[in-house]
Structure formats: structure tokens, C-alpha cells
Amino acid sequence: MDKIAVIIPCYNEEQTIAKVIQDAKRCLPEAVIYVYDNNSTDATVEIAEQNGAIVRHEYKQGKGNVIRTMFREIDAQCYIMTDGDDTYPLESAPEMADRVLNHKADMVVGDRLSSTYFQENKRPFHNFGNSLVRGSINALFKCDIKDIMTGFRAFSFTFAKSFPIMSKGFEIETEMTIHAVRNNMSIENVVVDYRDRPQGSESKLNTYSDGFKVLRTIMRLFRDYRPLGFFSIFAFILALLSVIFVVPVFIDYWKTGLVARFPTLIVSGFVMIAAVQSFFTGLILNNIAVKERRDFEHYLKIVDRMEKDLKTK
């Protein structure tokens, strides 16, 4: 079992991967450095091997698929995840590792947005998207995470082995954050500098298509993790529409003693029934979610025992 594992998912990063590996060796000399190649067509693999990293492969395309394999194959007390594009300064990595190893943090977030991100990043829609995602998650899940989309994080063994990865692509960071918040894991923020990609290095993130995937992931996890809140929103909207349309019918009846718009009355009644059904659906699913959280707490005890057994080997 490694004490610290630096894990670097890579796809066509031949221009920067050597510097990232050398920075990791300099800042974390005791760490084992793993580069997971995701079907690169350039010299990323050869350069990583020449610089002393352990190179492994994940052939299913997508960052989420790579991280799933990393967490499954590597056993470490602390995982430092960074990108291979040299946008994150690894000088902050020792502090992040210390938060995991000595302060028992489950996830440490490398917070770019509180430092140089908005000055360095030359893509305005990325800046807007990061702010939108951060505000949405903090509002929906009642938390205060400073940077949701950062690829620079540290994890405990407990987090890595208990995180059920469902995402295949760049929405993986959003899923990580919500999983930690929902399961009451210890989360800390470390402010890190951010530098934009060097000239000639291209981002693999598509602002629009990946942005919509992230927003869809937020809504899916909000539905799964906070079903009462999710379905209560629909219940409130449906009930409000029912009341808006049925009030004029009752006003006419009060004045004339006649119901002149039976179709409106009938539709309003069915809409109100749908609102009640939506609310009780949320209640039922909320009870299921509470049970899942209890089961997860028991599973954490098993993971903790696994870590202790690995340390003694």
C-alpha cells in the first residue's frame, strides 16, 4: 500500500506530462506516480515512462472511466489527483496530502476560483460555467464548496474505495463533490494558483456539450440524493397551476351558481392529484435514500477495516 499516490489521467499531453511528473517528484518525493493513458495518439506514454512514472492504460474513453480504474487498482493512504496539462501547481500538493494524512480529510479541493483562475483562463464561457455549477450545487445541497470543477484534489482511502462512479466523462468532478457532501464526508478547501494551458496544448473539455452533461448530472444527483426536495418542486408547480386555473371557475360558481367550464375544473382536479402524487413519491424515495445512507455508513466501517489490514501487510 502506497503512502501517497499521485494519479494523473492523460490523453494526448506529450507537451506537458514530463514537467508534471518532475514537479510531482520534486514536491512529493515519497509519492508513487501513476500515469493512466486514455488512448493517446501522441508520445505521452513514452515520455511518461522515460520520466519514471508507472504507466497504465484505460481503453474506455472518458475521464470518469479512467478515475474508476485508478481507484480500483491503486491502494494508497492518500491520493493526489492532478491533470497532465500542467495547469495546477503541485507546490500545493504537500499541504493537501497533509490534510488527508494528518487531519483526516476525505477530500481536499484545490480551489482555483479563489485565486488566479478568472485571470488566467481565457475562455469566458468556462468561467461562467464554473460559477454557475458552484452556485447551483451550493444552493441545492446546502454546502460551501469553493471550486466544483477542479481536477486538482486529494482523497483518502475511504473516499476512493467507497465512491460509486457513474459518470464517464468530465462530469466526474461534480459527482465526486456531491457524493462527499451527501454522505457527510470531511471536505476541506486549499486555495491553489491556476495557470492556463501553454500555447499549443488544447483542452479536451467541450464548453457546451460537457457543460450540459454537468448540469444534467447535478439534476440527476439532486433527484437521487434529495428526492423530497426534487419532487416537492414539481408538486408545488403543479399545485400552483391547478389553483390558478380553478379559482376563476369557483368565482363564476359563487356569482352564478353554475359551473360554466367543466373541462377546466376536471383538468385542474387531475393536476392537483398529480401534485399530491409527486409529493408522496418524494416522501417514499426520501425514506429509501435515508436507508441507503445508513447502509453506506456500515460500508464505511468495512472500508476502514480494509485500510487497516493493508497497512499491516
Foldseek 3Di string as FASTA:
>chain_A
DAAEEEEEEDAALVPFQLVVLVLCCVQPVRYAYEYEYAPHPDCNVVSCVVSPHHYHYDPQDAPLSRLLVVLVPDAYQKYWFAYRQPFFRCNCVVVQSCCCPPVVAAKEAAAAPVDCCVVADPDVLVVVLQVVLQVVCCVLLVDHDRTQQHRTMMGGNLLSVLQDRDDGHSLRSNSSVLVCSLLVGGYHYDYTHTHDGPPPDDDPDDSPPVSVVNVVVSLVVSCQRQVLVNLLVQLVVLLVVLCVQCVVQVVCCVVPVDRPCVVSNVVSVVSNVVSVVSNVVSVVSNVVNVVVSVVSVVVSVVSVVVSVVVVVD
